[in-house]
Amino acid sequence: MKITVDAHAAMKSAADYVLNDLECLPVETELTDDPNDFLKNVSNIANEYRNEFVRCLEIEFNARLSQVSSQQLTDNGIHIVRKEDS
């Protein structure tokens, strides 16, 4: 028996969900005479949102891939029993 694990579909679904769910509100930054200040601020904003996006994406991807794989097993009459439940 073979079970198809579609990581691409799980990643696309997870990314769509995270993009729709994650609140990335616009941020105002003060301009100064030094253009490097602006670049530093933009870099800090990007890092903050990127870290949150990656964290959420990892959680959603793992959950969706596990869910789809588990459903395929169930559809084929295979049930996973946790070790402590056996």
C-alpha atoms as a PDB file:
ATOM      1  CA  MET A   1       0.000   0.000   0.000  1.00  0.00           C
ATOM      2  CA  LYS A   2       1.209   3.504  -0.793  1.00  0.00           C
ATOM      3  CA  ILE A   3       0.106   6.754   0.790  1.00  0.00           C
ATOM      4  CA  THR A   4       0.741  10.034  -1.009  1.00  0.00           C
ATOM      5  CA  VAL A   5       2.156  12.805   1.157  1.00  0.00           C
ATOM      6  CA  ASP A   6       1.572  16.108  -0.651  1.00  0.00           C
ATOM      7  CA  ALA A   7       3.842  18.560   1.143  1.00  0.00           C
ATOM      8  CA  HIS A   8       3.299  21.181  -1.574  1.00  0.00           C
ATOM      9  CA  ALA A   9      -0.476  21.259  -1.043  1.00  0.00           C
ATOM     10  CA  ALA A  10      -0.039  21.351   2.739  1.00  0.00           C
ATOM     11  CA  MET A  11       2.452  24.234   2.475  1.00  0.00           C
ATOM     12  CA  LYS A  12       0.192  26.201   0.112  1.00  0.00           C
ATOM     13  CA  SER A  13      -2.798  25.705   2.385  1.00  0.00           C
ATOM     14  CA  ALA A  14      -0.770  26.654   5.468  1.00  0.00           C
ATOM     15  CA  ALA A  15       0.704  29.748   3.793  1.00  0.00           C
ATOM     16  CA  ASP A  16      -2.716  30.947   2.634  1.00  0.00           C
ATOM     17  CA  TYR A  17      -4.116  30.464   6.119  1.00  0.00           C
ATOM     18  CA  VAL A  18      -1.222  32.252   7.840  1.00  0.00           C
ATOM     19  CA  LEU A  19      -1.268  35.166   5.380  1.00  0.00           C
ATOM     20  CA  ASN A  20      -5.001  35.638   5.938  1.00  0.00           C
ATOM     21  CA  ASP A  21      -4.772  35.198   9.708  1.00  0.00           C
ATOM     22  CA  LEU A  22      -1.569  37.058  10.579  1.00  0.00           C
ATOM     23  CA  GLU A  23      -2.102  40.703  11.428  1.00  0.00           C
ATOM     24  CA  CYS A  24       0.626  42.664   9.687  1.00  0.00           C
ATOM     25  CA  LEU A  25      -0.550  46.184  10.266  1.00  0.00           C
ATOM     26  CA  PRO A  26       1.127  49.075   8.452  1.00  0.00           C
ATOM     27  CA  VAL A  27       3.864  50.721  10.515  1.00  0.00           C
ATOM     28  CA  GLU A  28       4.907  54.339  10.310  1.00  0.00           C
ATOM     29  CA  THR A  29       8.566  55.205  10.627  1.00  0.00           C
ATOM     30  CA  GLU A  30      10.080  58.620  11.149  1.00  0.00           C
ATOM     31  CA  LEU A  31      12.421  59.857   8.454  1.00  0.00           C
ATOM     32  CA  THR A  32      15.669  61.449   9.554  1.00  0.00           C
ATOM     33  CA  ASP A  33      18.595  63.026   7.762  1.00  0.00           C
ATOM     34  CA  ASP A  34      20.391  59.685   7.844  1.00  0.00           C
ATOM     35  CA  PRO A  35      18.979  57.243   5.264  1.00  0.00           C
ATOM     36  CA  ASN A  36      20.556  54.390   7.217  1.00  0.00           C
ATOM     37  CA  ASP A  37      18.091  55.026  10.062  1.00  0.00           C
ATOM     38  CA  PHE A  38      15.205  54.334   7.688  1.00  0.00           C
ATOM     39  CA  LEU A  39      16.845  51.158   6.386  1.00  0.00           C
ATOM     40  CA  LYS A  40      17.487  49.948   9.947  1.00  0.00           C
ATOM     41  CA  ASN A  41      13.848  50.588  10.895  1.00  0.00           C
ATOM     42  CA  VAL A  42      12.541  48.771   7.835  1.00  0.00           C
ATOM     43  CA  SER A  43      14.897  45.874   8.524  1.00  0.00           C
ATOM     44  CA  ASN A  44      13.679  45.636  12.131  1.00  0.00           C
ATOM     45  CA  ILE A  45      10.035  45.679  11.026  1.00  0.00           C
ATOM     46  CA  ALA A  46      10.716  42.983   8.413  1.00  0.00           C
ATOM     47  CA  ASN A  47      12.519  40.778  10.926  1.00  0.00           C
ATOM     48  CA  GLU A  48       9.691  41.051  13.436  1.00  0.00           C
ATOM     49  CA  TYR A  49       6.998  40.069  10.941  1.00  0.00           C
ATOM     50  CA  ARG A  50       9.153  37.430   9.245  1.00  0.00           C
ATOM     51  CA  ASN A  51       9.864  35.682  12.545  1.00  0.00           C
ATOM     52  CA  GLU A  52       6.163  35.575  13.425  1.00  0.00           C
ATOM     53  CA  PHE A  53       5.218  34.426   9.916  1.00  0.00           C
ATOM     54  CA  VAL A  54       7.791  31.609   9.901  1.00  0.00           C
ATOM     55  CA  ARG A  55       6.759  30.459  13.393  1.00  0.00           C
ATOM     56  CA  CYS A  56       3.068  30.344  12.437  1.00  0.00           C
ATOM     57  CA  LEU A  57       3.801  28.765   9.054  1.00  0.00           C
ATOM     58  CA  GLU A  58       5.814  25.954  10.628  1.00  0.00           C
ATOM     59  CA  ILE A  59       3.028  25.132  13.071  1.00  0.00           C
ATOM     60  CA  GLU A  60       0.309  25.207  10.403  1.00  0.00           C
ATOM     61  CA  PHE A  61       2.365  23.218   7.884  1.00  0.00           C
ATOM     62  CA  ASN A  62       3.103  20.431  10.361  1.00  0.00           C
ATOM     63  CA  ALA A  63      -0.524  20.292  11.497  1.00  0.00           C
ATOM     64  CA  ARG A  64      -1.938  20.201   7.965  1.00  0.00           C
ATOM     65  CA  LEU A  65       0.544  17.618   6.690  1.00  0.00           C
ATOM     66  CA  SER A  66      -0.187  15.375   9.691  1.00  0.00           C
ATOM     67  CA  GLN A  67      -3.932  15.826   9.264  1.00  0.00           C
ATOM     68  CA  VAL A  68      -3.952  14.969   5.549  1.00  0.00           C
ATOM     69  CA  SER A  69      -1.649  11.973   6.026  1.00  0.00           C
ATOM     70  CA  SER A  70      -3.679  10.692   8.948  1.00  0.00           C
ATOM     71  CA  GLN A  71      -6.904  11.071   6.957  1.00  0.00           C
ATOM     72  CA  GLN A  72      -5.420   9.066   4.074  1.00  0.00           C
ATOM     73  CA  LEU A  73      -4.472   6.296   6.487  1.00  0.00           C
ATOM     74  CA  THR A  74      -7.962   6.315   8.004  1.00  0.00           C
ATOM     75  CA  ASP A  75      -9.533   6.211   4.544  1.00  0.00           C
ATOM     76  CA  ASN A  76      -7.511   3.024   3.940  1.00  0.00           C
ATOM     77  CA  GLY A  77      -8.621   1.456   7.221  1.00  0.00           C
ATOM     78  CA  ILE A  78      -5.393   2.148   9.121  1.00  0.00           C
ATOM     79  CA  HIS A  79      -5.640   3.799  12.528  1.00  0.00           C
ATOM     80  CA  ILE A  80      -2.698   5.187  14.470  1.00  0.00           C
ATOM     81  CA  VAL A  81      -2.800   4.336  18.169  1.00  0.00           C
ATOM     82  CA  ARG A  82      -0.508   6.256  20.472  1.00  0.00           C
ATOM     83  CA  LYS A  83       1.889   4.066  22.391  1.00  0.00           C
ATOM     84  CA  GLU A  84       0.477   4.995  25.808  1.00  0.00           C
ATOM     85  CA  ASP A  85      -3.063   4.180  24.556  1.00  0.00           C
ATOM     86  CA  SER A  86      -2.167   0.634  23.464  1.00  0.00           C
END
